[in-house]
Amino acid sequence: MKIRSLYQAIATVYFVLATIALMTIAFVILASAILDVVEAFSSSEHISTVALRSVGLLIIGFAIIETAAFIADEEIFSKRGPRSPTESRRSLTEFVTIIVIASSLEALVMIFVASRSEVSNSLYAAAIFFVAMFGLVALGIYQWLSSRIRSGDDEGNQEP
């Protein structure tokens, strides 16, 4: 049992440090996006191009903050025993949703940027958007299959 508690302590320290590091990186990205926009006002660079680039940075920061919050909720704040299948499905759904939202927003920003410069660059953005939508469909299939398993479990647990 001592090894298990030592492992838990080390893992908790790691998760706390990783969460702090992710949040620090997200705030650095936020500051960079704001500074880019402020500098664009005093330079000859077109403000809308800088604004779109900054939105892309903010979306990445959003995904990083959401990931840090997810890690904190799952690994630091909720110190309970083994999770039920329902809780595990909910956690996985939340994490995949974060990825799908961030990828979709990033793809949209990339499409706007590509439409202002080279249209050939929009293929990469379209590919990211396609992958995000595939992730959304896969999540829907996962949830549908999970609900069917859950309803099957409920039927098996009922008394005749």
C-alpha atoms as a PDB file:
ATOM      1  CA  MET A   1       0.000   0.000   0.000  1.00  0.00           C
ATOM      2  CA  LYS A   2       2.909   2.385   0.605  1.00  0.00           C
ATOM      3  CA  ILE A   3       3.986   2.160  -3.023  1.00  0.00           C
ATOM      4  CA  ARG A   4       0.478   2.972  -4.196  1.00  0.00           C
ATOM      5  CA  SER A   5       0.247   6.074  -1.981  1.00  0.00           C
ATOM      6  CA  LEU A   6       3.736   7.167  -3.106  1.00  0.00           C
ATOM      7  CA  TYR A   7       2.669   6.755  -6.718  1.00  0.00           C
ATOM      8  CA  GLN A   8      -0.510   8.752  -6.073  1.00  0.00           C
ATOM      9  CA  ALA A   9       1.473  11.566  -4.472  1.00  0.00           C
ATOM     10  CA  ILE A  10       3.966  11.682  -7.358  1.00  0.00           C
ATOM     11  CA  ALA A  11       1.171  11.546  -9.931  1.00  0.00           C
ATOM     12  CA  THR A  12      -0.728  14.352  -8.183  1.00  0.00           C
ATOM     13  CA  VAL A  13       2.390  16.550  -8.125  1.00  0.00           C
ATOM     14  CA  TYR A  14       2.923  15.842 -11.819  1.00  0.00           C
ATOM     15  CA  PHE A  15      -0.681  16.676 -12.709  1.00  0.00           C
ATOM     16  CA  VAL A  16      -0.551  19.912 -10.689  1.00  0.00           C
ATOM     17  CA  LEU A  17       2.713  20.974 -12.365  1.00  0.00           C
ATOM     18  CA  ALA A  18       1.434  19.995 -15.819  1.00  0.00           C
ATOM     19  CA  THR A  19      -1.780  21.946 -15.258  1.00  0.00           C
ATOM     20  CA  ILE A  20       0.150  25.020 -14.109  1.00  0.00           C
ATOM     21  CA  ALA A  21       2.512  24.710 -17.091  1.00  0.00           C
ATOM     22  CA  LEU A  22      -0.395  24.422 -19.545  1.00  0.00           C
ATOM     23  CA  MET A  23      -2.145  27.428 -18.043  1.00  0.00           C
ATOM     24  CA  THR A  24       1.098  29.452 -18.144  1.00  0.00           C
ATOM     25  CA  ILE A  25       1.578  28.586 -21.814  1.00  0.00           C
ATOM     26  CA  ALA A  26      -2.027  29.559 -22.545  1.00  0.00           C
ATOM     27  CA  PHE A  27      -1.529  32.947 -20.867  1.00  0.00           C
ATOM     28  CA  VAL A  28       1.701  33.501 -22.828  1.00  0.00           C
ATOM     29  CA  ILE A  29      -0.257  32.771 -26.015  1.00  0.00           C
ATOM     30  CA  LEU A  30      -2.987  35.197 -24.890  1.00  0.00           C
ATOM     31  CA  ALA A  31      -0.427  37.933 -24.215  1.00  0.00           C
ATOM     32  CA  SER A  32       1.227  37.285 -27.575  1.00  0.00           C
ATOM     33  CA  ALA A  33      -2.103  37.578 -29.403  1.00  0.00           C
ATOM     34  CA  ILE A  34      -2.898  40.862 -27.653  1.00  0.00           C
ATOM     35  CA  LEU A  35       0.580  42.270 -28.326  1.00  0.00           C
ATOM     36  CA  ASP A  36       0.321  41.313 -32.004  1.00  0.00           C
ATOM     37  CA  VAL A  37      -2.909  43.277 -32.360  1.00  0.00           C
ATOM     38  CA  VAL A  38      -1.523  46.289 -30.461  1.00  0.00           C
ATOM     39  CA  GLU A  39       1.633  46.289 -32.620  1.00  0.00           C
ATOM     40  CA  ALA A  40      -0.451  46.018 -35.802  1.00  0.00           C
ATOM     41  CA  PHE A  41      -2.045  49.385 -35.026  1.00  0.00           C
ATOM     42  CA  SER A  42       1.369  51.044 -35.144  1.00  0.00           C
ATOM     43  CA  SER A  43       2.757  49.136 -38.121  1.00  0.00           C
ATOM     44  CA  SER A  44       1.915  48.917 -41.780  1.00  0.00           C
ATOM     45  CA  GLU A  45       0.606  45.352 -41.460  1.00  0.00           C
ATOM     46  CA  HIS A  46      -3.091  45.003 -42.221  1.00  0.00           C
ATOM     47  CA  ILE A  47      -5.032  44.803 -38.943  1.00  0.00           C
ATOM     48  CA  SER A  48      -7.528  42.184 -40.144  1.00  0.00           C
ATOM     49  CA  THR A  49      -4.722  39.757 -41.042  1.00  0.00           C
ATOM     50  CA  VAL A  50      -3.175  40.190 -37.604  1.00  0.00           C
ATOM     51  CA  ALA A  51      -6.583  39.892 -35.947  1.00  0.00           C
ATOM     52  CA  LEU A  52      -7.279  36.589 -37.694  1.00  0.00           C
ATOM     53  CA  ARG A  53      -3.848  35.290 -36.732  1.00  0.00           C
ATOM     54  CA  SER A  54      -4.520  36.379 -33.146  1.00  0.00           C
ATOM     55  CA  VAL A  55      -7.873  34.602 -33.152  1.00  0.00           C
ATOM     56  CA  GLY A  56      -6.022  31.436 -34.180  1.00  0.00           C
ATOM     57  CA  LEU A  57      -3.674  31.892 -31.226  1.00  0.00           C
ATOM     58  CA  LEU A  58      -6.604  32.480 -28.872  1.00  0.00           C
ATOM     59  CA  ILE A  59      -8.284  29.288 -30.077  1.00  0.00           C
ATOM     60  CA  ILE A  60      -5.126  27.331 -29.367  1.00  0.00           C
ATOM     61  CA  GLY A  61      -4.997  28.976 -25.931  1.00  0.00           C
ATOM     62  CA  PHE A  62      -8.643  28.049 -25.382  1.00  0.00           C
ATOM     63  CA  ALA A  63      -7.906  24.405 -26.181  1.00  0.00           C
ATOM     64  CA  ILE A  64      -4.911  24.430 -23.839  1.00  0.00           C
ATOM     65  CA  ILE A  65      -6.903  25.992 -20.965  1.00  0.00           C
ATOM     66  CA  GLU A  66      -9.763  23.535 -21.471  1.00  0.00           C
ATOM     67  CA  THR A  67      -7.287  20.649 -21.470  1.00  0.00           C
ATOM     68  CA  ALA A  68      -5.710  21.959 -18.258  1.00  0.00           C
ATOM     69  CA  ALA A  69      -9.151  22.284 -16.658  1.00  0.00           C
ATOM     70  CA  PHE A  70     -10.017  18.759 -17.783  1.00  0.00           C
ATOM     71  CA  ILE A  71      -6.809  17.366 -16.255  1.00  0.00           C
ATOM     72  CA  ALA A  72      -7.394  19.298 -13.041  1.00  0.00           C
ATOM     73  CA  ASP A  73     -11.003  18.098 -12.755  1.00  0.00           C
ATOM     74  CA  GLU A  74     -10.192  14.491 -13.551  1.00  0.00           C
ATOM     75  CA  GLU A  75      -6.874  13.985 -11.811  1.00  0.00           C
ATOM     76  CA  ILE A  76      -6.494  16.608  -9.079  1.00  0.00           C
ATOM     77  CA  PHE A  77      -9.877  17.712  -7.750  1.00  0.00           C
ATOM     78  CA  SER A  78     -11.854  14.472  -7.933  1.00  0.00           C
ATOM     79  CA  LYS A  79     -10.058  12.092  -5.614  1.00  0.00           C
ATOM     80  CA  ARG A  80     -12.422   9.172  -5.617  1.00  0.00           C
ATOM     81  CA  GLY A  81     -12.042   5.522  -6.327  1.00  0.00           C
ATOM     82  CA  PRO A  82     -12.515   3.807  -9.649  1.00  0.00           C
ATOM     83  CA  ARG A  83     -14.979   5.564 -11.903  1.00  0.00           C
ATOM     84  CA  SER A  84     -18.188   4.108 -13.159  1.00  0.00           C
ATOM     85  CA  PRO A  85     -18.549   3.455 -16.896  1.00  0.00           C
ATOM     86  CA  THR A  86     -20.971   6.405 -17.091  1.00  0.00           C
ATOM     87  CA  GLU A  87     -18.416   8.792 -15.582  1.00  0.00           C
ATOM     88  CA  SER A  88     -15.714   7.491 -17.918  1.00  0.00           C
ATOM     89  CA  ARG A  89     -17.962   8.008 -20.945  1.00  0.00           C
ATOM     90  CA  ARG A  90     -18.807  11.528 -19.777  1.00  0.00           C
ATOM     91  CA  SER A  91     -15.115  12.386 -19.352  1.00  0.00           C
ATOM     92  CA  LEU A  92     -14.197  11.020 -22.759  1.00  0.00           C
ATOM     93  CA  THR A  93     -17.097  12.889 -24.354  1.00  0.00           C
ATOM     94  CA  GLU A  94     -16.008  16.150 -22.702  1.00  0.00           C
ATOM     95  CA  PHE A  95     -12.401  15.742 -23.845  1.00  0.00           C
ATOM     96  CA  VAL A  96     -13.286  14.878 -27.451  1.00  0.00           C
ATOM     97  CA  THR A  97     -15.732  17.800 -27.518  1.00  0.00           C
ATOM     98  CA  ILE A  98     -12.910  20.166 -26.542  1.00  0.00           C
ATOM     99  CA  ILE A  99     -10.794  18.845 -29.402  1.00  0.00           C
ATOM    100  CA  VAL A 100     -13.632  19.056 -31.948  1.00  0.00           C
ATOM    101  CA  ILE A 101     -14.533  22.643 -30.989  1.00  0.00           C
ATOM    102  CA  ALA A 102     -10.931  23.859 -31.049  1.00  0.00           C
ATOM    103  CA  SER A 103     -10.194  22.112 -34.353  1.00  0.00           C
ATOM    104  CA  SER A 104     -13.343  23.473 -35.970  1.00  0.00           C
ATOM    105  CA  LEU A 105     -12.636  27.031 -34.865  1.00  0.00           C
ATOM    106  CA  GLU A 106      -9.017  26.801 -35.996  1.00  0.00           C
ATOM    107  CA  ALA A 107     -10.107  25.452 -39.393  1.00  0.00           C
ATOM    108  CA  LEU A 108     -12.569  28.328 -39.827  1.00  0.00           C
ATOM    109  CA  VAL A 109      -9.904  30.895 -38.988  1.00  0.00           C
ATOM    110  CA  MET A 110      -7.509  29.211 -41.413  1.00  0.00           C
ATOM    111  CA  ILE A 111     -10.145  29.319 -44.160  1.00  0.00           C
ATOM    112  CA  PHE A 112     -10.627  33.066 -43.609  1.00  0.00           C
ATOM    113  CA  VAL A 113      -6.858  33.650 -43.675  1.00  0.00           C
ATOM    114  CA  ALA A 114      -6.451  31.511 -46.799  1.00  0.00           C
ATOM    115  CA  SER A 115      -9.250  33.347 -48.580  1.00  0.00           C
ATOM    116  CA  ARG A 116      -7.308  36.603 -48.085  1.00  0.00           C
ATOM    117  CA  SER A 117      -4.012  35.230 -49.367  1.00  0.00           C
ATOM    118  CA  GLU A 118      -3.685  32.020 -51.368  1.00  0.00           C
ATOM    119  CA  VAL A 119      -6.765  29.931 -51.934  1.00  0.00           C
ATOM    120  CA  SER A 120      -4.584  26.819 -52.322  1.00  0.00           C
ATOM    121  CA  ASN A 121      -3.829  27.043 -48.593  1.00  0.00           C
ATOM    122  CA  SER A 122      -7.511  26.447 -47.870  1.00  0.00           C
ATOM    123  CA  LEU A 123      -7.068  22.731 -48.644  1.00  0.00           C
ATOM    124  CA  TYR A 124      -5.176  22.257 -45.386  1.00  0.00           C
ATOM    125  CA  ALA A 125      -7.891  24.136 -43.482  1.00  0.00           C
ATOM    126  CA  ALA A 126     -10.591  22.086 -45.189  1.00  0.00           C
ATOM    127  CA  ALA A 127      -8.751  18.895 -44.214  1.00  0.00           C
ATOM    128  CA  ILE A 128      -8.635  20.007 -40.569  1.00  0.00           C
ATOM    129  CA  PHE A 129     -12.344  20.854 -40.690  1.00  0.00           C
ATOM    130  CA  PHE A 130     -13.103  17.446 -42.248  1.00  0.00           C
ATOM    131  CA  VAL A 131     -11.145  15.686 -39.498  1.00  0.00           C
ATOM    132  CA  ALA A 132     -12.984  17.735 -36.849  1.00  0.00           C
ATOM    133  CA  MET A 133     -16.339  16.765 -38.354  1.00  0.00           C
ATOM    134  CA  PHE A 134     -15.212  13.133 -38.521  1.00  0.00           C
ATOM    135  CA  GLY A 135     -14.380  13.401 -34.809  1.00  0.00           C
ATOM    136  CA  LEU A 136     -17.847  14.808 -34.147  1.00  0.00           C
ATOM    137  CA  VAL A 137     -19.514  11.985 -36.073  1.00  0.00           C
ATOM    138  CA  ALA A 138     -17.314   9.419 -34.301  1.00  0.00           C
ATOM    139  CA  LEU A 139     -18.301  10.950 -30.959  1.00  0.00           C
ATOM    140  CA  GLY A 140     -21.968  10.709 -31.935  1.00  0.00           C
ATOM    141  CA  ILE A 141     -21.541   7.052 -32.883  1.00  0.00           C
ATOM    142  CA  TYR A 142     -19.715   6.416 -29.607  1.00  0.00           C
ATOM    143  CA  GLN A 143     -22.514   8.053 -27.626  1.00  0.00           C
ATOM    144  CA  TRP A 144     -25.177   6.147 -29.549  1.00  0.00           C
ATOM    145  CA  LEU A 145     -23.402   2.825 -28.986  1.00  0.00           C
ATOM    146  CA  SER A 146     -22.849   3.683 -25.317  1.00  0.00           C
ATOM    147  CA  SER A 147     -26.522   4.476 -24.833  1.00  0.00           C
ATOM    148  CA  ARG A 148     -27.478   1.143 -26.360  1.00  0.00           C
ATOM    149  CA  ILE A 149     -25.117  -0.686 -24.017  1.00  0.00           C
ATOM    150  CA  ARG A 150     -26.481   1.277 -21.059  1.00  0.00           C
ATOM    151  CA  SER A 151     -30.076   0.488 -21.957  1.00  0.00           C
ATOM    152  CA  GLY A 152     -29.111  -3.171 -22.386  1.00  0.00           C
ATOM    153  CA  ASP A 153     -27.504  -3.140 -18.933  1.00  0.00           C
ATOM    154  CA  ASP A 154     -30.613  -1.554 -17.445  1.00  0.00           C
ATOM    155  CA  GLU A 155     -32.800  -4.304 -18.912  1.00  0.00           C
ATOM    156  CA  GLY A 156     -30.527  -7.016 -17.532  1.00  0.00           C
ATOM    157  CA  ASN A 157     -30.637  -5.525 -14.027  1.00  0.00           C
ATOM    158  CA  GLN A 158     -34.418  -5.450 -13.773  1.00  0.00           C
ATOM    159  CA  GLU A 159     -36.169  -8.135 -11.820  1.00  0.00           C
ATOM    160  CA  PRO A 160     -38.737 -10.272 -13.705  1.00  0.00           C
END
